[in-house]
Amino acid sequence: QKIRTRRGKASGGSSDSNMGRKDS
């Protein structure tokens, strides 16, 4: 949960949920 939120912020912020899931 923490990692996906942090990565999402660096990736785009609004897509933290979508991108975080793919990145994870």
C-alpha atoms as a PDB file:
ATOM      1  CA  GLN A   1       0.000   0.000   0.000  1.00  0.00           C
ATOM      2  CA  LYS A   2       2.770   2.426   0.934  1.00  0.00           C
ATOM      3  CA  ILE A   3       4.988   1.547  -2.028  1.00  0.00           C
ATOM      4  CA  ARG A   4       2.196   1.809  -4.610  1.00  0.00           C
ATOM      5  CA  THR A   5       1.234   5.240  -3.251  1.00  0.00           C
ATOM      6  CA  ARG A   6       4.828   6.512  -3.296  1.00  0.00           C
ATOM      7  CA  ARG A   7       5.553   5.176  -6.798  1.00  0.00           C
ATOM      8  CA  GLY A   8       2.224   6.524  -8.061  1.00  0.00           C
ATOM      9  CA  LYS A   9       3.124   9.998  -6.839  1.00  0.00           C
ATOM     10  CA  ALA A  10       6.435   9.944  -8.717  1.00  0.00           C
ATOM     11  CA  SER A  11       4.772   8.427 -11.774  1.00  0.00           C
ATOM     12  CA  GLY A  12       1.813  10.792 -12.007  1.00  0.00           C
ATOM     13  CA  GLY A  13       0.012  11.074  -8.683  1.00  0.00           C
ATOM     14  CA  SER A  14      -3.505  10.749 -10.067  1.00  0.00           C
ATOM     15  CA  SER A  15      -2.639   7.333 -11.529  1.00  0.00           C
ATOM     16  CA  ASP A  16      -0.946   6.148  -8.330  1.00  0.00           C
ATOM     17  CA  SER A  17      -3.566   3.399  -7.976  1.00  0.00           C
ATOM     18  CA  ASN A  18      -3.360   2.281 -11.601  1.00  0.00           C
ATOM     19  CA  MET A  19       0.375   2.675 -12.092  1.00  0.00           C
ATOM     20  CA  GLY A  20       1.260   1.515  -8.579  1.00  0.00           C
ATOM     21  CA  ARG A  21      -0.541  -1.769  -9.268  1.00  0.00           C
ATOM     22  CA  LYS A  22       1.313  -2.325 -12.559  1.00  0.00           C
ATOM     23  CA  ASP A  23       4.657  -1.309 -11.074  1.00  0.00           C
ATOM     24  CA  SER A  24       4.096  -3.566  -8.084  1.00  0.00           C
END
